Amino acid sequence: MNEVMAGLIGSMGLLIGVVAALAFILYLVPIPLWIAAWASGAYVGLFTLIAMRLRRVPPATIVTARISAVKAGIDVSINDLEAHFLAGGKVMQVVSAMISADKANIPLPFKRAAAIDLAGRNVLEAVQMSVIPKVIESPRIAAVAKDGIQLIAVSRVTVRTNIDRLVGGAGEETIMARVGEGMVSTIGSALSHKDVLENPDKISKHILSKGLDAGTAYEILSIDIADVDVGENIGAKLQIEQANADKQIAQAKAEERRAMAVALEQEMRARVVEAEAEVPRAMAEAFRQGNMGIMDYYRMKNMQADTAMREEIANPEDDPSSDRNKL
């Protein structure tokens, strides 16, 4: 009985080992892929498929990409596809872009497509933009004409991808920045905002004449002005602000002159008070030297009294009797 059980266990173990070995062989040697490649005319050797497994390259991705390329009439080697995958590229996207470019009669060799893909750009989207141009709408851009009126314009830029300059070329942000600069320059050079409103196509013609797509990954096909709105009167606002600033400067200078005049007046009054203080001293000195007598002194007092009386008569508001006369 023990011998029978031992035999059964041994047979089961052998069967499991055979199944595991067969599964490993089928994994290592993808027979269905080999048959599919052979049937599609894109033959791939069994040892090549095994080597892919050992290099941790998914044979299904490489074989599927090669079959698609061969069926589209594009010859791409297994080594190129495998090298691009190991470099971190998107194999199926590159092959799809090459097929789309070939159907659109756009020259796109594998090396250029792989370089575009490894540069971080979507090569398939780039080919699609070469076939179907893309319309980019700019934000609302404000500029001021020479007459001081602000204009707010929106443009639509139609671009298509330039495959030759896609690697190393500037992107959409550069295109829109240059277009915005051209719009500001064109509006700013206009003598009147009415000229821009009457002929908005002057903006697009002026921008296109500058060759704004130089050094970029795109080719500008057209620039259309979608909308032009009249904004604020910037010139009038600047003039008002300048007038207010000039007014404040003038007021400050006037206040400075007034303060200087007040200071000068106070200084003169101080000198008068100082001079009046010298009068009694001069009179005493005149008495001592005999240049002035007592009668001269009394005549001077009478003159002072007459002067004070005349001042009171000239200013009746200060006289209490004038209030009684009014009543």
Protein backbone atom coordinates (compact mmCIF):
# COMPACT_ATOMS: atom_id res chain seq x y z
CA MET A 1 0.00 0.00 0.00
CA ASN A 2 2.79 2.38 0.86
CA GLU A 3 4.52 1.55 -2.40
CA VAL A 4 1.34 2.38 -4.36
CA MET A 5 0.95 5.71 -2.55
CA ALA A 6 4.58 6.55 -3.14
CA GLY A 7 4.17 5.79 -6.85
CA LEU A 8 1.10 8.02 -7.09
CA ILE A 9 2.88 10.86 -5.36
CA GLY A 10 5.87 10.48 -7.63
CA SER A 11 3.65 10.47 -10.72
CA MET A 12 1.84 13.59 -9.57
CA GLY A 13 5.14 15.34 -8.90
CA LEU A 14 6.45 14.35 -12.30
CA LEU A 15 3.26 15.58 -13.97
CA ILE A 16 3.47 18.93 -12.18
CA GLY A 17 7.11 19.28 -13.18
CA VAL A 18 6.29 18.52 -16.81
CA VAL A 19 3.43 21.04 -16.82
CA ALA A 20 5.64 23.72 -15.21
CA ALA A 21 8.45 23.05 -17.69
CA LEU A 22 6.00 23.19 -20.60
CA ALA A 23 4.54 26.47 -19.32
CA PHE A 24 8.02 27.93 -18.93
CA ILE A 25 8.96 26.84 -22.44
CA LEU A 26 5.76 28.34 -23.87
CA TYR A 27 6.45 31.58 -21.98
CA LEU A 28 10.07 31.65 -23.09
CA VAL A 29 9.21 30.68 -26.66
CA PRO A 30 6.02 32.60 -27.66
CA ILE A 31 4.86 30.22 -30.37
CA PRO A 32 1.63 32.19 -31.16
CA LEU A 33 3.62 35.35 -31.81
CA TRP A 34 6.08 33.48 -34.00
CA ILE A 35 3.22 32.02 -36.03
CA ALA A 36 1.49 35.44 -36.31
CA ALA A 37 4.70 37.12 -37.50
CA TRP A 38 5.38 34.34 -40.01
CA ALA A 39 1.81 34.47 -41.34
CA SER A 40 1.93 38.28 -41.70
CA GLY A 41 5.13 38.29 -43.69
CA ALA A 42 7.08 39.93 -40.85
CA TYR A 43 9.06 36.87 -39.87
CA VAL A 44 10.84 36.86 -36.51
CA GLY A 45 13.05 33.96 -35.47
CA LEU A 46 12.34 31.88 -32.39
CA PHE A 47 15.76 32.59 -30.94
CA THR A 48 15.13 36.30 -31.40
CA LEU A 49 11.91 36.01 -29.41
CA ILE A 50 13.69 34.03 -26.71
CA ALA A 51 16.43 36.69 -26.56
CA MET A 52 13.75 39.35 -26.11
CA ARG A 53 12.43 37.49 -23.08
CA LEU A 54 15.89 37.29 -21.62
CA ARG A 55 16.44 41.02 -22.19
CA ARG A 56 13.07 41.76 -20.55
CA VAL A 57 11.61 43.16 -23.72
CA PRO A 58 7.92 42.28 -24.30
CA PRO A 59 7.87 40.33 -27.58
CA ALA A 60 4.16 41.04 -28.09
CA THR A 61 4.81 44.83 -28.30
CA ILE A 62 7.76 44.52 -30.69
CA VAL A 63 6.17 41.89 -32.92
CA THR A 64 2.85 43.74 -33.11
CA ALA A 65 4.63 46.97 -34.05
CA ARG A 66 6.68 45.20 -36.74
CA ILE A 67 3.59 43.50 -38.19
CA SER A 68 1.78 46.87 -38.40
CA ALA A 69 4.77 48.50 -40.11
CA VAL A 70 5.25 45.66 -42.61
CA LYS A 71 1.56 45.57 -43.47
CA ALA A 72 1.72 49.35 -44.14
CA GLY A 73 4.73 48.88 -46.41
CA ILE A 74 7.30 50.27 -44.00
CA ASP A 75 10.45 48.29 -43.31
CA VAL A 76 11.53 48.60 -39.69
CA SER A 77 13.99 46.14 -38.22
CA ILE A 78 13.44 44.26 -34.99
CA ASN A 79 16.71 45.61 -33.61
CA ASP A 80 15.59 49.24 -34.11
CA LEU A 81 12.25 48.61 -32.41
CA GLU A 82 13.88 46.76 -29.53
CA ALA A 83 16.55 49.45 -29.07
CA HIS A 84 13.91 52.16 -29.01
CA PHE A 85 11.91 50.28 -26.36
CA LEU A 86 15.02 49.80 -24.20
CA ALA A 87 15.71 53.56 -24.51
CA GLY A 88 12.31 54.27 -22.96
CA GLY A 89 10.44 55.09 -26.14
CA LYS A 90 6.85 54.34 -27.13
CA VAL A 91 7.23 51.80 -29.90
CA MET A 92 3.60 51.53 -31.01
CA GLN A 93 3.17 55.31 -31.05
CA VAL A 94 6.27 55.74 -33.23
CA VAL A 95 5.11 53.08 -35.69
CA SER A 96 1.61 54.55 -35.83
CA ALA A 97 3.10 58.00 -36.53
CA MET A 98 5.26 56.58 -39.33
CA ILE A 99 2.22 54.88 -40.90
CA SER A 100 0.17 58.11 -40.70
CA ALA A 101 3.02 60.14 -42.19
CA ASP A 102 3.49 57.63 -45.00
CA LYS A 103 -0.20 57.76 -45.90
CA ALA A 104 -0.03 61.58 -45.95
CA ASN A 105 3.17 61.59 -48.08
CA ILE A 106 5.17 63.17 -45.26
CA PRO A 107 8.76 61.90 -45.07
CA LEU A 108 9.36 60.53 -41.57
CA PRO A 109 12.18 58.00 -41.19
CA PHE A 110 12.35 55.83 -38.10
CA LYS A 111 15.37 57.62 -36.60
CA ARG A 112 13.66 61.01 -36.73
CA ALA A 113 10.41 59.62 -35.32
CA ALA A 114 12.34 57.89 -32.51
CA ALA A 115 14.26 61.09 -31.75
CA ILE A 116 11.03 63.09 -31.56
CA ASP A 117 9.51 60.48 -29.25
CA LEU A 118 12.57 60.35 -26.98
CA ALA A 119 12.58 64.16 -26.83
CA GLY A 120 9.27 63.96 -24.98
CA ARG A 121 6.98 65.09 -27.78
CA ASN A 122 3.95 63.20 -28.99
CA VAL A 123 5.11 62.20 -32.45
CA LEU A 124 1.70 60.86 -33.49
CA GLU A 125 0.00 64.12 -32.52
CA ALA A 126 2.70 66.03 -34.39
CA VAL A 127 1.99 64.08 -37.58
CA GLN A 128 -1.74 64.61 -37.13
CA MET A 129 -1.15 68.37 -36.78
CA SER A 130 0.83 68.29 -40.01
CA VAL A 131 -2.16 66.77 -41.77
CA ILE A 132 -4.88 68.73 -39.94
CA PRO A 133 -3.63 72.20 -38.84
CA LYS A 134 -4.43 73.34 -35.32
CA VAL A 135 -6.13 76.62 -34.42
CA ILE A 136 -4.79 78.36 -31.30
CA GLU A 137 -6.78 81.24 -29.82
CA SER A 138 -4.82 83.95 -28.09
CA PRO A 139 -5.91 85.57 -24.84
CA ARG A 140 -7.34 89.10 -24.80
CA ILE A 141 -4.40 91.39 -25.57
CA ALA A 142 -4.62 95.10 -24.73
CA ALA A 143 -2.64 97.78 -26.57
CA VAL A 144 -2.85 101.57 -26.90
CA ALA A 145 -2.88 103.47 -30.20
CA LYS A 146 -1.10 106.80 -30.60
CA ASP A 147 -4.32 108.73 -29.94
CA GLY A 148 -4.43 107.25 -26.42
CA ILE A 149 -7.38 104.86 -26.96
CA GLN A 150 -6.95 101.32 -25.69
CA LEU A 151 -7.90 98.40 -27.96
CA ILE A 152 -8.40 94.82 -26.77
CA ALA A 153 -7.92 92.22 -29.51
CA VAL A 154 -8.24 88.44 -29.80
CA SER A 155 -6.57 86.47 -32.60
CA ARG A 156 -6.78 82.91 -33.91
CA VAL A 157 -3.50 81.44 -35.15
CA THR A 158 -3.59 78.45 -37.51
CA VAL A 159 -0.41 76.37 -37.28
CA ARG A 160 0.82 73.02 -38.45
CA THR A 161 3.75 70.96 -37.25
CA ASN A 162 7.12 71.31 -38.93
CA ILE A 163 8.56 67.79 -38.60
CA ASP A 164 12.08 68.93 -39.49
CA ARG A 165 12.18 71.44 -36.61
CA LEU A 166 10.19 69.44 -34.08
CA VAL A 167 13.30 68.41 -32.16
CA GLY A 168 14.79 71.54 -30.58
CA GLY A 169 12.08 73.89 -31.86
CA ALA A 170 10.08 76.22 -29.63
CA GLY A 171 6.50 75.35 -28.71
CA GLU A 172 3.07 76.96 -28.80
CA GLU A 173 3.89 79.33 -25.93
CA THR A 174 6.60 81.00 -28.01
CA ILE A 175 4.27 81.33 -30.98
CA MET A 176 1.57 83.02 -28.88
CA ALA A 177 4.09 85.31 -27.17
CA ARG A 178 5.38 86.50 -30.54
CA VAL A 179 1.87 86.98 -31.87
CA GLY A 180 0.94 89.04 -28.81
CA GLU A 181 4.07 91.16 -29.24
CA GLY A 182 3.18 91.74 -32.89
CA MET A 183 -0.38 92.78 -32.01
CA VAL A 184 0.82 95.27 -29.40
CA SER A 185 3.39 96.67 -31.82
CA THR A 186 0.90 97.04 -34.68
CA ILE A 187 -1.78 98.71 -32.57
CA GLY A 188 0.77 100.95 -30.88
CA SER A 189 2.10 102.22 -34.20
CA ALA A 190 -1.38 103.16 -35.48
CA LEU A 191 -2.06 106.90 -35.50
CA SER A 192 -5.70 106.38 -34.52
CA HIS A 193 -7.64 103.49 -33.07
CA LYS A 194 -10.17 104.01 -35.84
CA ASP A 195 -7.60 102.88 -38.41
CA VAL A 196 -7.31 99.53 -36.62
CA LEU A 197 -11.07 99.15 -36.28
CA GLU A 198 -11.56 99.87 -39.97
CA ASN A 199 -8.82 97.51 -41.16
CA PRO A 200 -8.10 94.81 -38.56
CA ASP A 201 -6.37 92.73 -41.24
CA LYS A 202 -3.43 95.14 -40.97
CA ILE A 203 -2.57 93.44 -37.69
CA SER A 204 -2.41 89.96 -39.20
CA LYS A 205 -0.47 91.14 -42.28
CA HIS A 206 2.07 92.96 -40.13
CA ILE A 207 2.55 89.94 -37.86
CA LEU A 208 2.91 87.48 -40.75
CA SER A 209 5.52 89.68 -42.40
CA LYS A 210 7.81 89.27 -39.38
CA GLY A 211 8.28 85.50 -39.79
CA LEU A 212 7.30 84.66 -36.25
CA ASP A 213 7.57 80.90 -36.80
CA ALA A 214 11.36 81.03 -37.17
CA GLY A 215 13.05 78.65 -34.76
CA THR A 216 9.79 77.05 -33.68
CA ALA A 217 8.37 73.58 -34.24
CA TYR A 218 5.39 74.99 -36.14
CA GLU A 219 4.60 76.77 -39.35
CA ILE A 220 2.11 79.62 -39.16
CA LEU A 221 -0.47 79.32 -41.91
CA SER A 222 -2.68 82.29 -41.04
CA ILE A 223 -3.47 84.79 -38.31
CA ASP A 224 -7.06 85.98 -38.10
CA ILE A 225 -8.32 88.77 -35.83
CA ALA A 226 -11.39 87.34 -34.13
CA ASP A 227 -12.47 90.37 -32.10
CA VAL A 228 -11.41 93.97 -31.41
CA ASP A 229 -12.99 95.92 -28.54
CA VAL A 230 -12.46 99.55 -27.53
CA GLY A 231 -11.16 99.92 -24.00
CA GLU A 232 -10.38 102.94 -21.86
CA ASN A 233 -9.04 106.33 -22.90
CA ILE A 234 -5.57 105.78 -21.50
CA GLY A 235 -4.24 109.06 -22.93
CA ALA A 236 -6.86 111.13 -21.13
CA LYS A 237 -6.22 109.27 -17.87
CA LEU A 238 -2.50 109.90 -18.16
CA GLN A 239 -3.11 113.59 -18.85
CA ILE A 240 -5.40 113.86 -15.82
CA GLU A 241 -2.85 112.14 -13.63
CA GLN A 242 -0.11 114.42 -14.97
CA ALA A 243 -2.26 117.50 -14.34
CA ASN A 244 -2.94 116.36 -10.76
CA ALA A 245 0.76 115.77 -10.24
CA ASP A 246 1.61 119.24 -11.61
CA LYS A 247 -1.09 120.73 -9.37
CA GLN A 248 0.37 119.09 -6.28
CA ILE A 249 3.86 120.28 -7.24
CA ALA A 250 2.59 123.83 -7.73
CA GLN A 251 0.76 123.74 -4.39
CA ALA A 252 3.87 122.50 -2.66
CA LYS A 253 5.97 125.28 -4.19
CA ALA A 254 3.32 127.90 -3.26
CA GLU A 255 3.25 126.62 0.30
CA GLU A 256 7.02 126.82 0.38
CA ARG A 257 6.94 130.44 -0.83
CA ARG A 258 4.20 131.31 1.71
CA ALA A 259 6.22 129.82 4.55
CA MET A 260 9.27 131.81 3.43
CA ALA A 261 7.18 134.99 3.28
CA VAL A 262 5.78 134.39 6.79
CA ALA A 263 9.26 133.75 8.10
CA LEU A 264 10.53 136.94 6.44
CA GLU A 265 7.62 138.93 7.89
CA GLN A 266 8.29 137.64 11.36
CA GLU A 267 11.95 138.46 10.96
CA MET A 268 11.12 142.03 9.89
CA ARG A 269 8.74 142.45 12.82
CA ALA A 270 11.44 141.28 15.17
CA ARG A 271 13.78 143.87 13.71
CA VAL A 272 11.12 146.59 14.15
CA VAL A 273 10.60 145.60 17.78
CA GLU A 274 14.34 145.57 18.25
CA ALA A 275 14.63 149.04 16.70
CA GLU A 276 11.77 150.40 18.84
CA ALA A 277 13.53 149.08 21.93
CA GLU A 278 16.51 151.28 21.05
CA VAL A 279 14.37 154.48 21.11
CA PRO A 280 14.27 154.99 24.94
CA ARG A 281 17.96 154.30 25.14
CA ALA A 282 18.68 156.83 22.40
CA MET A 283 16.46 159.41 24.16
CA ALA A 284 18.27 158.93 27.45
CA GLU A 285 21.59 159.34 25.69
CA ALA A 286 20.28 162.53 24.00
CA PHE A 287 19.22 163.93 27.44
CA ARG A 288 22.66 163.24 28.88
CA GLN A 289 24.44 164.89 25.97
CA GLY A 290 22.08 167.89 25.97
CA ASN A 291 20.84 167.25 22.46
CA MET A 292 17.23 166.96 23.68
CA GLY A 293 15.28 169.04 26.19
CA ILE A 294 12.24 168.32 28.28
CA MET A 295 9.99 170.27 25.91
CA ASP A 296 11.16 168.12 23.03
CA TYR A 297 10.19 165.06 25.03
CA TYR A 298 6.66 166.41 25.75
CA ARG A 299 6.14 167.38 22.11
CA MET A 300 7.00 163.83 21.11
CA LYS A 301 4.49 162.49 23.65
CA ASN A 302 1.80 164.81 22.26
CA MET A 303 2.52 163.57 18.75
CA GLN A 304 2.20 159.96 19.93
CA ALA A 305 -1.14 160.78 21.60
CA ASP A 306 -2.42 162.49 18.44
CA THR A 307 -1.37 159.50 16.38
CA ALA A 308 -3.17 157.07 18.70
CA MET A 309 -6.33 159.25 18.59
CA ARG A 310 -6.28 159.35 14.78
CA GLU A 311 -5.92 155.54 14.66
CA GLU A 312 -8.97 155.15 16.95
CA ILE A 313 -10.99 157.48 14.75
CA ALA A 314 -9.93 155.56 11.63
CA ASN A 315 -11.07 152.24 13.22
CA PRO A 316 -14.59 152.88 14.62
CA GLU A 317 -15.14 149.12 15.18
CA ASP A 318 -12.84 149.24 18.18
CA ASP A 319 -14.74 152.24 19.70
CA PRO A 320 -17.56 151.19 22.11
CA SER A 321 -19.48 154.38 21.29
CA SER A 322 -19.85 153.30 17.69
CA ASP A 323 -21.90 150.27 18.85
CA ARG A 324 -24.25 152.61 20.71
CA ASN A 325 -24.69 154.79 17.63
CA LYS A 326 -25.62 151.70 15.63
CA LEU A 327 -28.31 150.80 18.17
